[in-house]
């Protein structure tokens, strides 16, 4: 498997071409499998168009081979069109996968195995394999932490050029736009998260953060809100708006303090609006965020005392 990168950090991301699986015939088997296996292990997926389990196995084994980073090659043989090789190998049931190495069949399995077992099968041939896409996402997160926004954006964009519905990459790129104040661009990127990607925790968190940014966009300087709250501690709307303003400035502890104070003073205010807003903060901040953990503990103390 080859890798390509359009950015200077050299992060390995699987290229679109690398996931192409070759179809072999009885005539090409010796060259494409036997000879090729002298250079690297080759997996032969014996299948047929009418085979339901074959359709289940195909995407899984292709993913696992892609994750092997070029250590193993995958080819497919339609036994309806080319039954000779399957017969010579004694294959009586499909899907069947036979591994060739150094010109000889060395291992194999029958049936649509789960991803973990296929990973183990490949690792018996070539050693430990990782997930290059996840590694790239980790590199992007590290770049963000170091303030290298351009590298992070390039990594996310490269991942999306291969898999345009990759939820963590969409969320990561949208968050970069959001942090830069480009709200419309952030929303445009996030709109590409459809189907199951739309419910991915990373996408949900960024969507919540965008909603909060829109809520706080009209608040302006929060010094006036602080004066209003100081003058009237029971002005819950001012305190609520102050929480949004604090959150917009990434002052999470202060934002949580405002909402918790409203809950303490009047849980029923605005139909439990302070608690609902705090939960949206938690969603946007993430489960492991320090401010969220502390505020959630305090919220529990108020609700169940």
C-alpha atoms as a PDB file:
ATOM      1  CA  UNK A   1       0.000   0.000   0.000  1.00  0.00           C
ATOM      2  CA  UNK A   2       1.355   3.411  -0.928  1.00  0.00           C
ATOM      3  CA  UNK A   3       0.871   6.662   0.889  1.00  0.00           C
ATOM      4  CA  UNK A   4       0.662  10.199  -0.353  1.00  0.00           C
ATOM      5  CA  UNK A   5       0.495  13.552   1.353  1.00  0.00           C
ATOM      6  CA  UNK A   6      -0.098  17.055   0.016  1.00  0.00           C
ATOM      7  CA  UNK A   7       1.317  18.817   3.009  1.00  0.00           C
ATOM      8  CA  UNK A   8       4.745  19.270   4.484  1.00  0.00           C
ATOM      9  CA  UNK A   9       4.348  17.322   7.710  1.00  0.00           C
ATOM     10  CA  UNK A  10       4.584  14.001   5.890  1.00  0.00           C
ATOM     11  CA  UNK A  11       1.654  12.465   7.750  1.00  0.00           C
ATOM     12  CA  UNK A  12       0.822   9.127   6.110  1.00  0.00           C
ATOM     13  CA  UNK A  13      -2.733   8.985   4.814  1.00  0.00           C
ATOM     14  CA  UNK A  14      -3.887   6.162   2.561  1.00  0.00           C
ATOM     15  CA  UNK A  15      -4.311   7.288  -1.013  1.00  0.00           C
ATOM     16  CA  UNK A  16      -7.500   6.536  -2.913  1.00  0.00           C
ATOM     17  CA  UNK A  17      -5.603   4.309  -5.315  1.00  0.00           C
ATOM     18  CA  UNK A  18      -4.186   2.235  -2.484  1.00  0.00           C
ATOM     19  CA  UNK A  19      -7.607   0.761  -1.670  1.00  0.00           C
ATOM     20  CA  UNK A  20      -8.133  -0.621  -5.202  1.00  0.00           C
ATOM     21  CA  UNK A  21      -8.524  -4.406  -5.174  1.00  0.00           C
ATOM     22  CA  UNK A  22      -7.526  -6.319  -8.274  1.00  0.00           C
ATOM     23  CA  UNK A  23      -9.675  -9.029  -9.822  1.00  0.00           C
ATOM     24  CA  UNK A  24      -7.665 -12.085 -10.898  1.00  0.00           C
ATOM     25  CA  UNK A  25      -8.469 -14.838 -13.357  1.00  0.00           C
ATOM     26  CA  UNK A  26      -7.212 -18.349 -13.859  1.00  0.00           C
ATOM     27  CA  UNK A  27      -4.891 -16.980 -16.549  1.00  0.00           C
ATOM     28  CA  UNK A  28      -3.408 -14.236 -14.333  1.00  0.00           C
ATOM     29  CA  UNK A  29      -3.318 -16.179 -11.065  1.00  0.00           C
ATOM     30  CA  UNK A  30       0.288 -17.320 -11.409  1.00  0.00           C
ATOM     31  CA  UNK A  31       1.554 -13.773 -11.992  1.00  0.00           C
ATOM     32  CA  UNK A  32      -0.789 -11.826  -9.713  1.00  0.00           C
ATOM     33  CA  UNK A  33      -0.736 -14.239  -6.777  1.00  0.00           C
ATOM     34  CA  UNK A  34       2.045 -16.815  -6.907  1.00  0.00           C
ATOM     35  CA  UNK A  35       4.764 -14.537  -8.272  1.00  0.00           C
ATOM     36  CA  UNK A  36       3.567 -11.479  -6.382  1.00  0.00           C
ATOM     37  CA  UNK A  37       3.599 -13.399  -3.084  1.00  0.00           C
ATOM     38  CA  UNK A  38       7.384 -13.755  -3.364  1.00  0.00           C
ATOM     39  CA  UNK A  39       7.535  -9.998  -2.691  1.00  0.00           C
ATOM     40  CA  UNK A  40       4.723  -9.640  -0.140  1.00  0.00           C
ATOM     41  CA  UNK A  41       1.906 -11.826   1.206  1.00  0.00           C
ATOM     42  CA  UNK A  42      -1.160 -11.910  -1.043  1.00  0.00           C
ATOM     43  CA  UNK A  43      -4.688 -12.642   0.179  1.00  0.00           C
ATOM     44  CA  UNK A  44      -7.032 -14.220  -2.348  1.00  0.00           C
ATOM     45  CA  UNK A  45     -10.719 -13.607  -1.618  1.00  0.00           C
ATOM     46  CA  UNK A  46     -12.759 -16.305  -3.356  1.00  0.00           C
ATOM     47  CA  UNK A  47     -16.304 -15.063  -3.842  1.00  0.00           C
ATOM     48  CA  UNK A  48     -19.386 -15.120  -6.095  1.00  0.00           C
ATOM     49  CA  UNK A  49     -22.024 -12.486  -6.913  1.00  0.00           C
ATOM     50  CA  UNK A  50     -24.836 -14.529  -5.342  1.00  0.00           C
ATOM     51  CA  UNK A  51     -23.001 -14.978  -2.017  1.00  0.00           C
ATOM     52  CA  UNK A  52     -24.444 -12.763   0.731  1.00  0.00           C
ATOM     53  CA  UNK A  53     -21.644 -13.370   3.282  1.00  0.00           C
ATOM     54  CA  UNK A  54     -19.126 -12.494   0.560  1.00  0.00           C
ATOM     55  CA  UNK A  55     -20.667  -9.020   0.374  1.00  0.00           C
ATOM     56  CA  UNK A  56     -20.364  -8.689   4.158  1.00  0.00           C
ATOM     57  CA  UNK A  57     -16.742  -9.777   4.195  1.00  0.00           C
ATOM     58  CA  UNK A  58     -15.546  -7.625   1.287  1.00  0.00           C
ATOM     59  CA  UNK A  59     -15.570  -4.149   2.882  1.00  0.00           C
ATOM     60  CA  UNK A  60     -14.135  -5.467   6.160  1.00  0.00           C
ATOM     61  CA  UNK A  61     -11.168  -7.272   4.670  1.00  0.00           C
ATOM     62  CA  UNK A  62     -10.480  -4.360   2.312  1.00  0.00           C
ATOM     63  CA  UNK A  63     -10.355  -2.018   5.301  1.00  0.00           C
ATOM     64  CA  UNK A  64      -8.032  -4.322   7.233  1.00  0.00           C
ATOM     65  CA  UNK A  65      -5.701  -4.720   4.260  1.00  0.00           C
ATOM     66  CA  UNK A  66      -5.652  -0.933   3.803  1.00  0.00           C
ATOM     67  CA  UNK A  67      -4.758  -0.548   7.470  1.00  0.00           C
ATOM     68  CA  UNK A  68      -1.793  -2.887   6.974  1.00  0.00           C
ATOM     69  CA  UNK A  69      -0.013  -0.068   5.177  1.00  0.00           C
ATOM     70  CA  UNK A  70       1.250  -1.993   2.168  1.00  0.00           C
ATOM     71  CA  UNK A  71       2.438  -5.064   4.069  1.00  0.00           C
ATOM     72  CA  UNK A  72      -0.109  -7.326   2.377  1.00  0.00           C
ATOM     73  CA  UNK A  73      -1.992  -7.311  -0.921  1.00  0.00           C
ATOM     74  CA  UNK A  74      -5.607  -8.336  -1.583  1.00  0.00           C
ATOM     75  CA  UNK A  75      -7.009  -9.793  -4.808  1.00  0.00           C
ATOM     76  CA  UNK A  76     -10.460 -11.210  -5.579  1.00  0.00           C
ATOM     77  CA  UNK A  77     -11.430 -14.254  -7.638  1.00  0.00           C
ATOM     78  CA  UNK A  78     -15.000 -14.861  -8.829  1.00  0.00           C
ATOM     79  CA  UNK A  79     -15.387 -18.644  -8.621  1.00  0.00           C
ATOM     80  CA  UNK A  80     -18.398 -18.611 -10.962  1.00  0.00           C
ATOM     81  CA  UNK A  81     -16.205 -17.286 -13.762  1.00  0.00           C
ATOM     82  CA  UNK A  82     -12.998 -18.989 -12.669  1.00  0.00           C
ATOM     83  CA  UNK A  83     -13.687 -22.209 -10.736  1.00  0.00           C
ATOM     84  CA  UNK A  84     -10.427 -24.003 -11.536  1.00  0.00           C
ATOM     85  CA  UNK A  85      -8.158 -22.496  -8.852  1.00  0.00           C
ATOM     86  CA  UNK A  86     -10.771 -22.870  -6.110  1.00  0.00           C
ATOM     87  CA  UNK A  87     -11.201 -26.517  -7.094  1.00  0.00           C
ATOM     88  CA  UNK A  88      -7.444 -27.149  -7.027  1.00  0.00           C
ATOM     89  CA  UNK A  89      -7.238 -25.631  -3.533  1.00  0.00           C
ATOM     90  CA  UNK A  90     -10.168 -27.704  -2.289  1.00  0.00           C
ATOM     91  CA  UNK A  91     -12.422 -24.732  -1.574  1.00  0.00           C
ATOM     92  CA  UNK A  92     -15.968 -25.987  -1.082  1.00  0.00           C
ATOM     93  CA  UNK A  93     -17.552 -22.999   0.683  1.00  0.00           C
ATOM     94  CA  UNK A  94     -17.336 -19.243   0.233  1.00  0.00           C
ATOM     95  CA  UNK A  95     -16.358 -16.680   1.171  1.00  0.00           C
ATOM     96  CA  UNK A  96     -12.924 -18.212   1.535  1.00  0.00           C
ATOM     97  CA  UNK A  97      -9.667 -16.324   1.917  1.00  0.00           C
ATOM     98  CA  UNK A  98      -6.329 -17.998   1.250  1.00  0.00           C
ATOM     99  CA  UNK A  99      -3.035 -16.311   2.093  1.00  0.00           C
ATOM    100  CA  UNK A 100      -0.060 -16.897  -0.203  1.00  0.00           C
ATOM    101  CA  UNK A 101       3.523 -16.199   0.812  1.00  0.00           C
ATOM    102  CA  UNK A 102       6.722 -17.078  -1.031  1.00  0.00           C
ATOM    103  CA  UNK A 103       4.667 -18.671  -3.768  1.00  0.00           C
ATOM    104  CA  UNK A 104       2.743 -21.046  -1.510  1.00  0.00           C
ATOM    105  CA  UNK A 105      -0.627 -21.042   0.332  1.00  0.00           C
ATOM    106  CA  UNK A 106       0.210 -20.623   4.016  1.00  0.00           C
ATOM    107  CA  UNK A 107      -3.026 -19.800   5.849  1.00  0.00           C
ATOM    108  CA  UNK A 108      -6.712 -19.141   5.290  1.00  0.00           C
ATOM    109  CA  UNK A 109     -10.226 -18.951   6.664  1.00  0.00           C
ATOM    110  CA  UNK A 110     -13.806 -19.551   5.542  1.00  0.00           C
ATOM    111  CA  UNK A 111     -16.816 -17.343   6.293  1.00  0.00           C
ATOM    112  CA  UNK A 112     -17.489 -13.676   7.031  1.00  0.00           C
ATOM    113  CA  UNK A 113     -15.341 -13.248  10.133  1.00  0.00           C
ATOM    114  CA  UNK A 114     -15.605 -10.139  12.320  1.00  0.00           C
ATOM    115  CA  UNK A 115     -13.088  -7.343  11.933  1.00  0.00           C
ATOM    116  CA  UNK A 116     -11.049  -8.330  15.003  1.00  0.00           C
ATOM    117  CA  UNK A 117     -10.462 -11.865  13.739  1.00  0.00           C
ATOM    118  CA  UNK A 118      -9.490 -10.669  10.258  1.00  0.00           C
ATOM    119  CA  UNK A 119      -7.045  -8.234  11.837  1.00  0.00           C
ATOM    120  CA  UNK A 120      -5.546 -11.114  13.807  1.00  0.00           C
ATOM    121  CA  UNK A 121      -5.327 -13.215  10.634  1.00  0.00           C
ATOM    122  CA  UNK A 122      -3.391 -10.489   8.838  1.00  0.00           C
ATOM    123  CA  UNK A 123      -1.158  -9.843  11.826  1.00  0.00           C
ATOM    124  CA  UNK A 124      -0.147 -13.521  11.861  1.00  0.00           C
ATOM    125  CA  UNK A 125       1.235 -12.900   8.378  1.00  0.00           C
ATOM    126  CA  UNK A 126       2.832  -9.484   8.652  1.00  0.00           C
ATOM    127  CA  UNK A 127       2.960  -8.484  12.332  1.00  0.00           C
ATOM    128  CA  UNK A 128       1.066  -5.662  14.051  1.00  0.00           C
ATOM    129  CA  UNK A 129      -0.986  -3.339  11.834  1.00  0.00           C
ATOM    130  CA  UNK A 130      -2.440   0.026  12.700  1.00  0.00           C
ATOM    131  CA  UNK A 131      -5.048   2.389  11.318  1.00  0.00           C
ATOM    132  CA  UNK A 132      -3.356   5.084   9.189  1.00  0.00           C
ATOM    133  CA  UNK A 133      -6.454   7.276   9.187  1.00  0.00           C
ATOM    134  CA  UNK A 134      -6.602   7.254  12.988  1.00  0.00           C
ATOM    135  CA  UNK A 135      -2.880   7.951  13.126  1.00  0.00           C
ATOM    136  CA  UNK A 136      -3.425  10.941  10.842  1.00  0.00           C
ATOM    137  CA  UNK A 137      -6.278  12.179  13.042  1.00  0.00           C
ATOM    138  CA  UNK A 138      -4.007  11.886  16.082  1.00  0.00           C
ATOM    139  CA  UNK A 139      -1.335  13.899  14.274  1.00  0.00           C
ATOM    140  CA  UNK A 140      -3.909  16.567  13.431  1.00  0.00           C
ATOM    141  CA  UNK A 141      -5.003  16.778  17.073  1.00  0.00           C
ATOM    142  CA  UNK A 142      -1.369  17.134  18.123  1.00  0.00           C
ATOM    143  CA  UNK A 143      -0.893  19.916  15.580  1.00  0.00           C
ATOM    144  CA  UNK A 144      -3.933  21.734  16.966  1.00  0.00           C
ATOM    145  CA  UNK A 145      -2.562  21.423  20.495  1.00  0.00           C
ATOM    146  CA  UNK A 146       0.712  22.966  19.304  1.00  0.00           C
ATOM    147  CA  UNK A 147      -1.106  25.803  17.548  1.00  0.00           C
ATOM    148  CA  UNK A 148      -0.159  24.595  14.072  1.00  0.00           C
ATOM    149  CA  UNK A 149      -3.551  25.191  12.504  1.00  0.00           C
ATOM    150  CA  UNK A 150      -2.360  25.016   8.898  1.00  0.00           C
ATOM    151  CA  UNK A 151      -0.929  21.519   9.282  1.00  0.00           C
ATOM    152  CA  UNK A 152      -4.051  20.319  11.097  1.00  0.00           C
ATOM    153  CA  UNK A 153      -6.303  21.735   8.371  1.00  0.00           C
ATOM    154  CA  UNK A 154      -4.184  20.091   5.670  1.00  0.00           C
ATOM    155  CA  UNK A 155      -4.401  16.698   7.393  1.00  0.00           C
ATOM    156  CA  UNK A 156      -8.172  16.923   7.837  1.00  0.00           C
ATOM    157  CA  UNK A 157      -8.581  18.008   4.201  1.00  0.00           C
ATOM    158  CA  UNK A 158      -6.432  15.119   2.977  1.00  0.00           C
ATOM    159  CA  UNK A 159      -8.467  12.605   4.955  1.00  0.00           C
ATOM    160  CA  UNK A 160     -11.687  14.076   3.556  1.00  0.00           C
ATOM    161  CA  UNK A 161     -10.338  13.863  -0.004  1.00  0.00           C
ATOM    162  CA  UNK A 162     -10.320  10.092   0.529  1.00  0.00           C
ATOM    163  CA  UNK A 163     -13.372   9.722   2.773  1.00  0.00           C
ATOM    164  CA  UNK A 164     -15.630  12.775   2.528  1.00  0.00           C
ATOM    165  CA  UNK A 165     -17.883  11.545   5.358  1.00  0.00           C
ATOM    166  CA  UNK A 166     -15.134  10.930   7.930  1.00  0.00           C
ATOM    167  CA  UNK A 167     -16.825  12.377  11.019  1.00  0.00           C
ATOM    168  CA  UNK A 168     -13.737  13.208  13.149  1.00  0.00           C
ATOM    169  CA  UNK A 169     -12.081  14.968  10.198  1.00  0.00           C
ATOM    170  CA  UNK A 170     -15.238  16.962   9.421  1.00  0.00           C
ATOM    171  CA  UNK A 171     -15.579  17.915  13.075  1.00  0.00           C
ATOM    172  CA  UNK A 172     -11.903  18.829  13.329  1.00  0.00           C
ATOM    173  CA  UNK A 173     -11.972  21.049  10.247  1.00  0.00           C
ATOM    174  CA  UNK A 174     -15.232  22.689  11.305  1.00  0.00           C
ATOM    175  CA  UNK A 175     -13.755  23.416  14.750  1.00  0.00           C
ATOM    176  CA  UNK A 176     -10.734  25.086  13.158  1.00  0.00           C
ATOM    177  CA  UNK A 177     -13.069  27.403  11.235  1.00  0.00           C
ATOM    178  CA  UNK A 178     -15.127  28.040  14.364  1.00  0.00           C
ATOM    179  CA  UNK A 179     -12.047  28.904  16.422  1.00  0.00           C
ATOM    180  CA  UNK A 180     -10.995  31.312  13.675  1.00  0.00           C
ATOM    181  CA  UNK A 181     -14.367  33.053  13.890  1.00  0.00           C
ATOM    182  CA  UNK A 182     -15.487  31.784  10.478  1.00  0.00           C
ATOM    183  CA  UNK A 183     -18.900  30.594  11.614  1.00  0.00           C
ATOM    184  CA  UNK A 184     -20.415  30.196   8.151  1.00  0.00           C
ATOM    185  CA  UNK A 185     -17.489  28.077   6.964  1.00  0.00           C
ATOM    186  CA  UNK A 186     -17.740  25.927  10.081  1.00  0.00           C
ATOM    187  CA  UNK A 187     -21.434  25.312   9.424  1.00  0.00           C
ATOM    188  CA  UNK A 188     -20.763  24.524   5.769  1.00  0.00           C
ATOM    189  CA  UNK A 189     -18.172  21.890   6.671  1.00  0.00           C
ATOM    190  CA  UNK A 190     -20.375  20.337   9.321  1.00  0.00           C
ATOM    191  CA  UNK A 191     -23.297  20.131   6.891  1.00  0.00           C
ATOM    192  CA  UNK A 192     -21.304  17.447   5.056  1.00  0.00           C
ATOM    193  CA  UNK A 193     -21.740  15.117   8.052  1.00  0.00           C
ATOM    194  CA  UNK A 194     -24.747  13.046   7.046  1.00  0.00           C
ATOM    195  CA  UNK A 195     -26.198   9.718   8.112  1.00  0.00           C
ATOM    196  CA  UNK A 196     -24.328   8.077  10.967  1.00  0.00           C
ATOM    197  CA  UNK A 197     -21.587  10.719  10.748  1.00  0.00           C
ATOM    198  CA  UNK A 198     -24.089  13.349  11.882  1.00  0.00           C
ATOM    199  CA  UNK A 199     -24.477  11.529  15.213  1.00  0.00           C
ATOM    200  CA  UNK A 200     -20.769  10.991  15.836  1.00  0.00           C
ATOM    201  CA  UNK A 201     -19.798  12.492  19.242  1.00  0.00           C
ATOM    202  CA  UNK A 202     -17.178  14.775  17.680  1.00  0.00           C
ATOM    203  CA  UNK A 203     -19.714  16.185  15.227  1.00  0.00           C
ATOM    204  CA  UNK A 204     -22.359  16.584  17.927  1.00  0.00           C
ATOM    205  CA  UNK A 205     -19.865  18.492  20.086  1.00  0.00           C
ATOM    206  CA  UNK A 206     -18.888  20.922  17.319  1.00  0.00           C
ATOM    207  CA  UNK A 207     -22.532  21.433  16.346  1.00  0.00           C
ATOM    208  CA  UNK A 208     -23.283  22.375  19.955  1.00  0.00           C
ATOM    209  CA  UNK A 209     -20.300  24.733  19.969  1.00  0.00           C
ATOM    210  CA  UNK A 210     -21.583  26.408  16.794  1.00  0.00           C
ATOM    211  CA  UNK A 211     -25.035  26.824  18.356  1.00  0.00           C
ATOM    212  CA  UNK A 212     -23.454  28.444  21.391  1.00  0.00           C
ATOM    213  CA  UNK A 213     -21.387  30.759  19.205  1.00  0.00           C
ATOM    214  CA  UNK A 214     -24.546  31.878  17.416  1.00  0.00           C
ATOM    215  CA  UNK A 215     -26.326  32.467  20.720  1.00  0.00           C
ATOM    216  CA  UNK A 216     -23.511  34.612  22.048  1.00  0.00           C
ATOM    217  CA  UNK A 217     -22.787  36.521  18.818  1.00  0.00           C
ATOM    218  CA  UNK A 218     -25.132  39.383  19.722  1.00  0.00           C
ATOM    219  CA  UNK A 219     -24.082  39.774  23.351  1.00  0.00           C
ATOM    220  CA  UNK A 220     -21.066  41.996  22.793  1.00  0.00           C
ATOM    221  CA  UNK A 221     -18.987  43.119  25.774  1.00  0.00           C
ATOM    222  CA  UNK A 222     -20.069  41.297  28.920  1.00  0.00           C
ATOM    223  CA  UNK A 223     -18.996  44.046  31.336  1.00  0.00           C
ATOM    224  CA  UNK A 224     -22.511  45.508  31.175  1.00  0.00           C
ATOM    225  CA  UNK A 225     -23.962  42.087  32.030  1.00  0.00           C
ATOM    226  CA  UNK A 226     -21.630  41.794  35.005  1.00  0.00           C
ATOM    227  CA  UNK A 227     -22.830  45.155  36.276  1.00  0.00           C
ATOM    228  CA  UNK A 228     -26.456  44.090  35.848  1.00  0.00           C
ATOM    229  CA  UNK A 229     -25.906  40.908  37.845  1.00  0.00           C
ATOM    230  CA  UNK A 230     -24.010  42.804  40.545  1.00  0.00           C
ATOM    231  CA  UNK A 231     -26.861  45.277  40.828  1.00  0.00           C
ATOM    232  CA  UNK A 232     -29.548  42.593  40.912  1.00  0.00           C
ATOM    233  CA  UNK A 233     -28.396  39.045  41.734  1.00  0.00           C
ATOM    234  CA  UNK A 234     -31.880  37.762  40.864  1.00  0.00           C
ATOM    235  CA  UNK A 235     -31.696  39.058  37.291  1.00  0.00           C
ATOM    236  CA  UNK A 236     -31.470  35.545  35.934  1.00  0.00           C
ATOM    237  CA  UNK A 237     -31.657  36.574  32.281  1.00  0.00           C
ATOM    238  CA  UNK A 238     -28.611  38.812  32.685  1.00  0.00           C
ATOM    239  CA  UNK A 239     -26.766  36.015  34.485  1.00  0.00           C
ATOM    240  CA  UNK A 240     -27.803  33.558  31.754  1.00  0.00           C
ATOM    241  CA  UNK A 241     -26.541  35.899  29.027  1.00  0.00           C
ATOM    242  CA  UNK A 242     -23.351  36.375  31.026  1.00  0.00           C
ATOM    243  CA  UNK A 243     -22.834  32.608  31.004  1.00  0.00           C
ATOM    244  CA  UNK A 244     -23.071  32.607  27.208  1.00  0.00           C
ATOM    245  CA  UNK A 245     -20.651  35.527  27.000  1.00  0.00           C
ATOM    246  CA  UNK A 246     -18.152  33.807  29.294  1.00  0.00           C
ATOM    247  CA  UNK A 247     -18.369  30.652  27.222  1.00  0.00           C
ATOM    248  CA  UNK A 248     -17.754  32.624  24.032  1.00  0.00           C
ATOM    249  CA  UNK A 249     -14.501  33.840  25.627  1.00  0.00           C
ATOM    250  CA  UNK A 250     -13.654  30.244  26.623  1.00  0.00           C
ATOM    251  CA  UNK A 251     -14.117  31.100  30.300  1.00  0.00           C
ATOM    252  CA  UNK A 252     -15.791  27.784  31.021  1.00  0.00           C
ATOM    253  CA  UNK A 253     -15.591  27.749  34.790  1.00  0.00           C
ATOM    254  CA  UNK A 254     -17.166  31.216  34.969  1.00  0.00           C
ATOM    255  CA  UNK A 255     -19.871  30.218  32.489  1.00  0.00           C
ATOM    256  CA  UNK A 256     -20.758  27.147  34.539  1.00  0.00           C
ATOM    257  CA  UNK A 257     -20.748  29.205  37.753  1.00  0.00           C
ATOM    258  CA  UNK A 258     -23.397  31.538  36.324  1.00  0.00           C
ATOM    259  CA  UNK A 259     -25.762  28.755  35.327  1.00  0.00           C
ATOM    260  CA  UNK A 260     -25.255  26.808  38.530  1.00  0.00           C
ATOM    261  CA  UNK A 261     -26.089  29.951  40.498  1.00  0.00           C
ATOM    262  CA  UNK A 262     -29.357  30.326  38.581  1.00  0.00           C
ATOM    263  CA  UNK A 263     -30.218  26.679  39.286  1.00  0.00           C
ATOM    264  CA  UNK A 264     -29.440  27.221  42.951  1.00  0.00           C
ATOM    265  CA  UNK A 265     -31.617  30.336  43.170  1.00  0.00           C
ATOM    266  CA  UNK A 266     -34.528  29.251  40.961  1.00  0.00           C
ATOM    267  CA  UNK A 267     -34.473  25.829  39.339  1.00  0.00           C
ATOM    268  CA  UNK A 268     -37.769  26.488  37.530  1.00  0.00           C
ATOM    269  CA  UNK A 269     -36.625  29.727  35.861  1.00  0.00           C
ATOM    270  CA  UNK A 270     -37.311  29.763  32.117  1.00  0.00           C
ATOM    271  CA  UNK A 271     -38.587  26.167  32.226  1.00  0.00           C
ATOM    272  CA  UNK A 272     -35.357  24.816  33.694  1.00  0.00           C
ATOM    273  CA  UNK A 273     -33.441  26.796  31.075  1.00  0.00           C
ATOM    274  CA  UNK A 274     -30.222  27.159  33.075  1.00  0.00           C
ATOM    275  CA  UNK A 275     -29.814  23.391  33.509  1.00  0.00           C
ATOM    276  CA  UNK A 276     -30.603  22.754  29.837  1.00  0.00           C
ATOM    277  CA  UNK A 277     -28.042  25.342  28.797  1.00  0.00           C
ATOM    278  CA  UNK A 278     -25.448  23.805  31.098  1.00  0.00           C
ATOM    279  CA  UNK A 279     -26.034  20.418  29.490  1.00  0.00           C
ATOM    280  CA  UNK A 280     -25.426  22.004  26.090  1.00  0.00           C
ATOM    281  CA  UNK A 281     -22.155  23.382  27.445  1.00  0.00           C
ATOM    282  CA  UNK A 282     -21.190  19.872  28.544  1.00  0.00           C
ATOM    283  CA  UNK A 283     -21.993  18.549  25.070  1.00  0.00           C
ATOM    284  CA  UNK A 284     -19.862  21.216  23.404  1.00  0.00           C
ATOM    285  CA  UNK A 285     -16.955  20.952  25.839  1.00  0.00           C
ATOM    286  CA  UNK A 286     -16.685  17.170  25.755  1.00  0.00           C
ATOM    287  CA  UNK A 287     -17.069  14.483  28.407  1.00  0.00           C
ATOM    288  CA  UNK A 288     -13.508  14.688  29.728  1.00  0.00           C
ATOM    289  CA  UNK A 289     -13.233  18.482  29.828  1.00  0.00           C
ATOM    290  CA  UNK A 290     -12.081  19.586  33.291  1.00  0.00           C
ATOM    291  CA  UNK A 291     -14.668  22.377  33.613  1.00  0.00           C
ATOM    292  CA  UNK A 292     -17.426  20.006  32.520  1.00  0.00           C
ATOM    293  CA  UNK A 293     -16.394  17.337  35.025  1.00  0.00           C
ATOM    294  CA  UNK A 294     -16.346  19.812  37.912  1.00  0.00           C
ATOM    295  CA  UNK A 295     -19.606  21.496  36.902  1.00  0.00           C
ATOM    296  CA  UNK A 296     -21.360  18.162  36.440  1.00  0.00           C
ATOM    297  CA  UNK A 297     -20.359  17.169  39.964  1.00  0.00           C
ATOM    298  CA  UNK A 298     -21.698  20.450  41.348  1.00  0.00           C
ATOM    299  CA  UNK A 299     -24.904  20.092  39.314  1.00  0.00           C
ATOM    300  CA  UNK A 300     -25.501  16.669  40.813  1.00  0.00           C
ATOM    301  CA  UNK A 301     -25.059  18.129  44.245  1.00  0.00           C
ATOM    302  CA  UNK A 302     -27.733  20.722  43.548  1.00  0.00           C
ATOM    303  CA  UNK A 303     -30.208  18.331  41.944  1.00  0.00           C
ATOM    304  CA  UNK A 304     -29.936  15.482  44.455  1.00  0.00           C
ATOM    305  CA  UNK A 305     -29.238  17.208  47.721  1.00  0.00           C
END
